[in-house]
PDB file of N, CA and C in Angstrom:
ATOM      1  N   MET A   1     -19.361  60.662  11.254  1.00  0.00           N
ATOM      2  CA  MET A   1     -18.072  60.468  11.494  1.00  0.00           C
ATOM      3  C   MET A   1     -17.534  58.891  11.114  1.00  0.00           C
ATOM      4  N   SER A   2     -16.290  59.010  10.261  1.00  0.00           N
ATOM      5  CA  SER A   2     -15.817  58.169   9.535  1.00  0.00           C
ATOM      6  C   SER A   2     -14.838  57.177  10.563  1.00  0.00           C
ATOM      7  N   THR A   3     -14.882  56.056  10.259  1.00  0.00           N
ATOM      8  CA  THR A   3     -13.916  55.061  11.358  1.00  0.00           C
ATOM      9  C   THR A   3     -12.803  54.558  10.563  1.00  0.00           C
ATOM     10  N   THR A   4     -11.684  54.845  10.754  1.00  0.00           N
ATOM     11  CA  THR A   4     -10.580  54.102   9.988  1.00  0.00           C
ATOM     12  C   THR A   4      -9.662  52.879  11.244  1.00  0.00           C
ATOM     13  N   THR A   5      -9.309  51.904  10.149  1.00  0.00           N
ATOM     14  CA  THR A   5      -8.629  50.629  10.829  1.00  0.00           C
ATOM     15  C   THR A   5      -7.263  50.634  10.298  1.00  0.00           C
ATOM     16  N   ALA A   6      -6.241  50.500  10.947  1.00  0.00           N
ATOM     17  CA  ALA A   6      -5.011  50.477  10.404  1.00  0.00           C
ATOM     18  C   ALA A   6      -3.965  49.293  11.432  1.00  0.00           C
ATOM     19  N   SER A   7      -3.503  48.336  10.625  1.00  0.00           N
ATOM     20  CA  SER A   7      -2.613  47.340  11.472  1.00  0.00           C
ATOM     21  C   SER A   7      -1.317  47.488  11.195  1.00  0.00           C
ATOM     22  N   TYR A   8      -0.451  47.508  12.143  1.00  0.00           N
ATOM     23  CA  TYR A   8       1.053  47.898  12.289  1.00  0.00           C
ATOM     24  C   TYR A   8       1.932  46.398  12.962  1.00  0.00           C
ATOM     25  N   PRO A   9       2.695  46.073  12.192  1.00  0.00           N
ATOM     26  CA  PRO A   9       3.537  45.087  12.728  1.00  0.00           C
ATOM     27  C   PRO A   9       4.913  45.648  13.778  1.00  0.00           C
ATOM     28  N   VAL A  10       4.507  44.964  15.068  1.00  0.00           N
ATOM     29  CA  VAL A  10       5.048  45.175  16.091  1.00  0.00           C
ATOM     30  C   VAL A  10       6.045  44.318  16.552  1.00  0.00           C
ATOM     31  N   THR A  11       7.257  44.770  16.871  1.00  0.00           N
ATOM     32  CA  THR A  11       8.488  43.429  17.433  1.00  0.00           C
ATOM     33  C   THR A  11       8.675  43.886  19.310  1.00  0.00           C
ATOM     34  N   GLY A  12       8.954  42.981  19.637  1.00  0.00           N
ATOM     35  CA  GLY A  12       9.588  42.971  21.008  1.00  0.00           C
ATOM     36  C   GLY A  12       8.035  42.580  21.939  1.00  0.00           C
ATOM     37  N   MET A  13       7.062  42.187  21.763  1.00  0.00           N
ATOM     38  CA  MET A  13       6.160  41.896  22.401  1.00  0.00           C
ATOM     39  C   MET A  13       5.975  40.419  22.927  1.00  0.00           C
ATOM     40  N   THR A  14       6.019  40.243  24.081  1.00  0.00           N
ATOM     41  CA  THR A  14       6.552  38.569  24.220  1.00  0.00           C
ATOM     42  C   THR A  14       5.307  37.930  25.439  1.00  0.00           C
ATOM     43  N   CYS A  15       4.540  38.680  25.826  1.00  0.00           N
ATOM     44  CA  CYS A  15       3.495  38.048  26.711  1.00  0.00           C
ATOM     45  C   CYS A  15       2.289  38.966  27.308  1.00  0.00           C
ATOM     46  N   GLY A  16       1.444  38.412  27.619  1.00  0.00           N
ATOM     47  CA  GLY A  16       0.083  39.246  28.059  1.00  0.00           C
ATOM     48  C   GLY A  16       0.364  40.649  28.632  1.00  0.00           C
ATOM     49  N   HIS A  17       1.546  41.089  29.642  1.00  0.00           N
ATOM     50  CA  HIS A  17       1.516  42.205  29.903  1.00  0.00           C
ATOM     51  C   HIS A  17       2.209  43.257  28.681  1.00  0.00           C
ATOM     52  N   CYS A  18       3.033  42.867  28.194  1.00  0.00           N
ATOM     53  CA  CYS A  18       3.099  43.263  26.853  1.00  0.00           C
ATOM     54  C   CYS A  18       1.979  44.324  26.130  1.00  0.00           C
ATOM     55  N   VAL A  19       1.134  43.370  25.786  1.00  0.00           N
ATOM     56  CA  VAL A  19      -0.316  43.340  25.272  1.00  0.00           C
ATOM     57  C   VAL A  19      -0.922  44.505  25.942  1.00  0.00           C
ATOM     58  N   GLY A  20      -1.201  44.376  27.570  1.00  0.00           N
ATOM     59  CA  GLY A  20      -1.668  45.480  27.925  1.00  0.00           C
ATOM     60  C   GLY A  20      -0.894  46.984  28.286  1.00  0.00           C
ATOM     61  N   ALA A  21       0.308  46.855  28.318  1.00  0.00           N
ATOM     62  CA  ALA A  21       1.157  47.901  28.334  1.00  0.00           C
ATOM     63  C   ALA A  21       0.973  48.748  26.843  1.00  0.00           C
ATOM     64  N   VAL A  22       1.136  47.993  25.589  1.00  0.00           N
ATOM     65  CA  VAL A  22       0.351  48.553  24.129  1.00  0.00           C
ATOM     66  C   VAL A  22      -0.467  49.346  24.055  1.00  0.00           C
ATOM     67  N   THR A  23      -1.854  48.470  24.544  1.00  0.00           N
ATOM     68  CA  THR A  23      -2.838  48.733  24.518  1.00  0.00           C
ATOM     69  C   THR A  23      -3.181  50.033  25.423  1.00  0.00           C
ATOM     70  N   GLU A  24      -2.717  50.056  26.417  1.00  0.00           N
ATOM     71  CA  GLU A  24      -2.928  51.067  27.204  1.00  0.00           C
ATOM     72  C   GLU A  24      -2.512  52.403  26.733  1.00  0.00           C
ATOM     73  N   GLU A  25      -1.314  52.602  26.025  1.00  0.00           N
ATOM     74  CA  GLU A  25      -0.729  53.499  25.687  1.00  0.00           C
ATOM     75  C   GLU A  25      -1.390  53.942  24.336  1.00  0.00           C
ATOM     76  N   LEU A  26      -1.972  53.007  23.582  1.00  0.00           N
ATOM     77  CA  LEU A  26      -2.472  53.064  22.252  1.00  0.00           C
ATOM     78  C   LEU A  26      -3.802  54.142  22.232  1.00  0.00           C
ATOM     79  N   THR A  27      -4.370  53.404  23.356  1.00  0.00           N
ATOM     80  CA  THR A  27      -5.846  53.645  23.582  1.00  0.00           C
ATOM     81  C   THR A  27      -5.891  55.256  23.883  1.00  0.00           C
ATOM     82  N   VAL A  28      -4.973  55.592  24.401  1.00  0.00           N
ATOM     83  CA  VAL A  28      -4.852  57.352  24.910  1.00  0.00           C
ATOM     84  C   VAL A  28      -4.793  58.076  23.930  1.00  0.00           C
ATOM     85  N   LEU A  29      -4.361  57.662  22.940  1.00  0.00           N
ATOM     86  CA  LEU A  29      -4.192  58.608  21.785  1.00  0.00           C
ATOM     87  C   LEU A  29      -5.452  59.212  21.043  1.00  0.00           C
ATOM     88  N   PRO A  30      -5.468  60.645  20.693  1.00  0.00           N
ATOM     89  CA  PRO A  30      -6.663  61.112  20.281  1.00  0.00           C
ATOM     90  C   PRO A  30      -7.327  60.275  19.192  1.00  0.00           C
ATOM     91  N   GLY A  31      -8.778  59.748  19.436  1.00  0.00           N
ATOM     92  CA  GLY A  31      -9.413  59.649  18.435  1.00  0.00           C
ATOM     93  C   GLY A  31      -9.669  58.239  18.350  1.00  0.00           C
ATOM     94  N   VAL A  32      -8.466  57.079  19.109  1.00  0.00           N
ATOM     95  CA  VAL A  32      -8.905  56.384  19.006  1.00  0.00           C
ATOM     96  C   VAL A  32      -9.867  55.345  20.093  1.00  0.00           C
ATOM     97  N   THR A  33     -10.665  54.366  19.163  1.00  0.00           N
ATOM     98  CA  THR A  33     -11.882  53.677  19.747  1.00  0.00           C
ATOM     99  C   THR A  33     -11.617  52.300  20.137  1.00  0.00           C
ATOM    100  N   GLY A  34     -10.314  51.920  20.046  1.00  0.00           N
ATOM    101  CA  GLY A  34     -10.185  50.479  19.909  1.00  0.00           C
ATOM    102  C   GLY A  34      -8.966  49.892  19.638  1.00  0.00           C
ATOM    103  N   VAL A  35      -8.318  48.711  20.237  1.00  0.00           N
ATOM    104  CA  VAL A  35      -7.163  48.310  19.955  1.00  0.00           C
ATOM    105  C   VAL A  35      -6.877  46.817  20.101  1.00  0.00           C
ATOM    106  N   SER A  36      -6.560  45.965  18.844  1.00  0.00           N
ATOM    107  CA  SER A  36      -6.342  44.486  19.524  1.00  0.00           C
ATOM    108  C   SER A  36      -5.073  44.213  18.940  1.00  0.00           C
ATOM    109  N   VAL A  37      -4.539  43.281  19.758  1.00  0.00           N
ATOM    110  CA  VAL A  37      -3.366  42.690  19.464  1.00  0.00           C
ATOM    111  C   VAL A  37      -3.293  41.166  18.936  1.00  0.00           C
ATOM    112  N   ASP A  38      -2.655  40.382  18.230  1.00  0.00           N
ATOM    113  CA  ASP A  38      -2.573  39.210  17.585  1.00  0.00           C
ATOM    114  C   ASP A  38      -1.065  39.060  18.012  1.00  0.00           C
ATOM    115  N   LEU A  39      -0.867  38.512  19.423  1.00  0.00           N
ATOM    116  CA  LEU A  39       0.409  38.475  19.982  1.00  0.00           C
ATOM    117  C   LEU A  39       1.256  37.160  19.155  1.00  0.00           C
ATOM    118  N   VAL A  40       2.241  37.543  19.141  1.00  0.00           N
ATOM    119  CA  VAL A  40       3.388  36.305  18.300  1.00  0.00           C
ATOM    120  C   VAL A  40       4.503  36.375  19.589  1.00  0.00           C
ATOM    121  N   PRO A  41       4.672  35.734  20.081  1.00  0.00           N
ATOM    122  CA  PRO A  41       5.453  35.729  21.251  1.00  0.00           C
ATOM    123  C   PRO A  41       7.203  35.504  20.496  1.00  0.00           C
ATOM    124  N   ALA A  42       8.262  36.735  21.024  1.00  0.00           N
ATOM    125  CA  ALA A  42       9.329  36.578  20.328  1.00  0.00           C
ATOM    126  C   ALA A  42       9.385  36.528  18.551  1.00  0.00           C
ATOM    127  N   GLY A  43       7.895  37.298  18.089  1.00  0.00           N
ATOM    128  CA  GLY A  43       8.173  37.546  16.498  1.00  0.00           C
ATOM    129  C   GLY A  43       7.444  38.868  16.384  1.00  0.00           C
ATOM    130  N   THR A  44       7.054  38.988  15.365  1.00  0.00           N
ATOM    131  CA  THR A  44       5.793  40.183  14.969  1.00  0.00           C
ATOM    132  C   THR A  44       4.665  40.054  14.953  1.00  0.00           C
ATOM    133  N   SER A  45       4.296  40.489  15.976  1.00  0.00           N
ATOM    134  CA  SER A  45       2.902  40.738  16.342  1.00  0.00           C
ATOM    135  C   SER A  45       2.083  41.659  15.383  1.00  0.00           C
ATOM    136  N   THR A  46       0.607  41.742  15.693  1.00  0.00           N
ATOM    137  CA  THR A  46       0.234  42.850  14.764  1.00  0.00           C
ATOM    138  C   THR A  46      -0.912  43.312  15.784  1.00  0.00           C
ATOM    139  N   VAL A  47      -0.611  44.714  15.672  1.00  0.00           N
ATOM    140  CA  VAL A  47      -1.639  45.700  16.693  1.00  0.00           C
ATOM    141  C   VAL A  47      -2.569  46.617  15.483  1.00  0.00           C
ATOM    142  N   THR A  48      -3.651  46.555  15.695  1.00  0.00           N
ATOM    143  CA  THR A  48      -5.037  47.144  14.798  1.00  0.00           C
ATOM    144  C   THR A  48      -5.538  48.137  15.791  1.00  0.00           C
ATOM    145  N   ILE A  49      -5.352  49.456  15.070  1.00  0.00           N
ATOM    146  CA  ILE A  49      -6.086  50.298  15.706  1.00  0.00           C
ATOM    147  C   ILE A  49      -7.184  50.744  15.002  1.00  0.00           C
ATOM    148  N   THR A  50      -8.286  50.904  15.923  1.00  0.00           N
ATOM    149  CA  THR A  50      -9.498  51.558  15.124  1.00  0.00           C
ATOM    150  C   THR A  50      -9.553  52.948  15.647  1.00  0.00           C
ATOM    151  N   SER A  51      -9.900  54.088  14.910  1.00  0.00           N
ATOM    152  CA  SER A  51      -9.932  55.465  15.689  1.00  0.00           C
ATOM    153  C   SER A  51     -10.564  56.602  14.618  1.00  0.00           C
ATOM    154  N   ASP A  52     -11.135  57.368  15.132  1.00  0.00           N
ATOM    155  CA  ASP A  52     -12.181  58.340  14.303  1.00  0.00           C
ATOM    156  C   ASP A  52     -11.447  59.085  13.315  1.00  0.00           C
ATOM    157  N   THR A  53      -9.940  59.265  13.678  1.00  0.00           N
ATOM    158  CA  THR A  53      -9.166  60.288  13.085  1.00  0.00           C
ATOM    159  C   THR A  53      -8.149  59.283  12.424  1.00  0.00           C
ATOM    160  N   SER A  54      -7.373  59.832  11.498  1.00  0.00           N
ATOM    161  CA  SER A  54      -6.390  58.937  10.834  1.00  0.00           C
ATOM    162  C   SER A  54      -4.869  59.025  11.934  1.00  0.00           C
ATOM    163  N   LEU A  55      -4.441  58.374  12.372  1.00  0.00           N
ATOM    164  CA  LEU A  55      -3.364  58.660  12.920  1.00  0.00           C
ATOM    165  C   LEU A  55      -1.675  58.379  12.163  1.00  0.00           C
ATOM    166  N   ASP A  56      -1.137  59.416  12.603  1.00  0.00           N
ATOM    167  CA  ASP A  56       0.242  59.938  12.434  1.00  0.00           C
ATOM    168  C   ASP A  56       1.061  58.577  12.820  1.00  0.00           C
ATOM    169  N   ILE A  57       1.871  58.333  11.933  1.00  0.00           N
ATOM    170  CA  ILE A  57       2.920  57.247  12.198  1.00  0.00           C
ATOM    171  C   ILE A  57       3.952  57.481  13.304  1.00  0.00           C
ATOM    172  N   ASP A  58       4.071  58.819  13.680  1.00  0.00           N
ATOM    173  CA  ASP A  58       5.071  59.074  14.632  1.00  0.00           C
ATOM    174  C   ASP A  58       4.143  59.018  16.355  1.00  0.00           C
ATOM    175  N   GLN A  59       3.005  59.016  16.184  1.00  0.00           N
ATOM    176  CA  GLN A  59       2.386  59.179  17.435  1.00  0.00           C
ATOM    177  C   GLN A  59       2.155  57.657  17.692  1.00  0.00           C
ATOM    178  N   VAL A  60       2.040  56.598  16.723  1.00  0.00           N
ATOM    179  CA  VAL A  60       2.207  55.504  16.946  1.00  0.00           C
ATOM    180  C   VAL A  60       3.478  54.797  17.920  1.00  0.00           C
ATOM    181  N   HIS A  61       4.600  55.262  16.753  1.00  0.00           N
ATOM    182  CA  HIS A  61       5.882  54.713  17.390  1.00  0.00           C
ATOM    183  C   HIS A  61       6.016  55.655  18.777  1.00  0.00           C
ATOM    184  N   ALA A  62       5.695  56.482  19.372  1.00  0.00           N
ATOM    185  CA  ALA A  62       5.943  57.292  20.339  1.00  0.00           C
ATOM    186  C   ALA A  62       5.165  56.561  21.466  1.00  0.00           C
ATOM    187  N   ALA A  63       3.959  55.865  21.293  1.00  0.00           N
ATOM    188  CA  ALA A  63       3.032  54.887  22.224  1.00  0.00           C
ATOM    189  C   ALA A  63       3.896  53.946  22.336  1.00  0.00           C
ATOM    190  N   LEU A  64       4.423  53.363  21.062  1.00  0.00           N
ATOM    191  CA  LEU A  64       5.030  52.172  21.410  1.00  0.00           C
ATOM    192  C   LEU A  64       6.316  52.418  22.436  1.00  0.00           C
ATOM    193  N   HIS A  65       6.892  53.131  22.292  1.00  0.00           N
ATOM    194  CA  HIS A  65       8.101  53.645  23.039  1.00  0.00           C
ATOM    195  C   HIS A  65       7.802  53.870  24.427  1.00  0.00           C
ATOM    196  N   GLU A  66       6.677  54.670  24.454  1.00  0.00           N
ATOM    197  CA  GLU A  66       6.166  54.775  26.104  1.00  0.00           C
ATOM    198  C   GLU A  66       5.927  53.700  27.022  1.00  0.00           C
ATOM    199  N   ALA A  67       5.544  52.506  26.009  1.00  0.00           N
ATOM    200  CA  ALA A  67       4.886  51.591  26.418  1.00  0.00           C
ATOM    201  C   ALA A  67       5.942  50.344  27.006  1.00  0.00           C
ATOM    202  N   GLY A  68       6.653  50.918  26.146  1.00  0.00           N
ATOM    203  CA  GLY A  68       8.193  49.481  26.424  1.00  0.00           C
ATOM    204  C   GLY A  68       9.262  49.749  25.246  1.00  0.00           C
ATOM    205  N   ASP A  69       9.921  48.544  25.372  1.00  0.00           N
ATOM    206  CA  ASP A  69      10.823  48.363  24.158  1.00  0.00           C
ATOM    207  C   ASP A  69      10.345  47.629  22.813  1.00  0.00           C
ATOM    208  N   TYR A  70       9.310  48.236  22.433  1.00  0.00           N
ATOM    209  CA  TYR A  70       8.564  47.847  21.153  1.00  0.00           C
ATOM    210  C   TYR A  70       8.701  49.112  20.053  1.00  0.00           C
ATOM    211  N   HIS A  71       8.713  48.302  18.904  1.00  0.00           N
ATOM    212  CA  HIS A  71       9.312  48.697  17.664  1.00  0.00           C
ATOM    213  C   HIS A  71       8.466  48.372  16.515  1.00  0.00           C
ATOM    214  N   LEU A  72       7.730  49.321  15.986  1.00  0.00           N
ATOM    215  CA  LEU A  72       7.278  49.075  14.432  1.00  0.00           C
ATOM    216  C   LEU A  72       8.220  47.987  13.623  1.00  0.00           C
ATOM    217  N   ALA A  73       7.871  47.360  13.051  1.00  0.00           N
ATOM    218  CA  ALA A  73       8.681  46.319  12.003  1.00  0.00           C
ATOM    219  C   ALA A  73       8.731  46.897  11.133  1.00  0.00           C
ATOM    220  N   THR A  74       9.836  46.801  10.191  1.00  0.00           N
ATOM    221  CA  THR A  74      10.445  47.207   9.109  1.00  0.00           C
ATOM    222  C   THR A  74      10.383  46.228   8.195  1.00  0.00           C
ATOM    223  N   SER A  75      10.060  46.117   6.853  1.00  0.00           N
ATOM    224  CA  SER A  75      10.068  45.197   5.648  1.00  0.00           C
ATOM    225  C   SER A  75      11.400  45.061   5.186  1.00  0.00           C
TER     226      SER A  75
END
């Protein structure tokens, strides 16, 4: 089984509570084995997800929405 790692730019995170909420929602996605967050309060944070399967961007978006008012940053 191969492991994949993907990083996503996320806006709306301001504190440790935000990190916990996002981590909790992403961890329950099928195949996810790890989540780490590089928090940039009031900026664009980086969320890195390690999983046994490829994640669909819609799954990530839905988990962020479920966690709170967090959004994938657009370039």
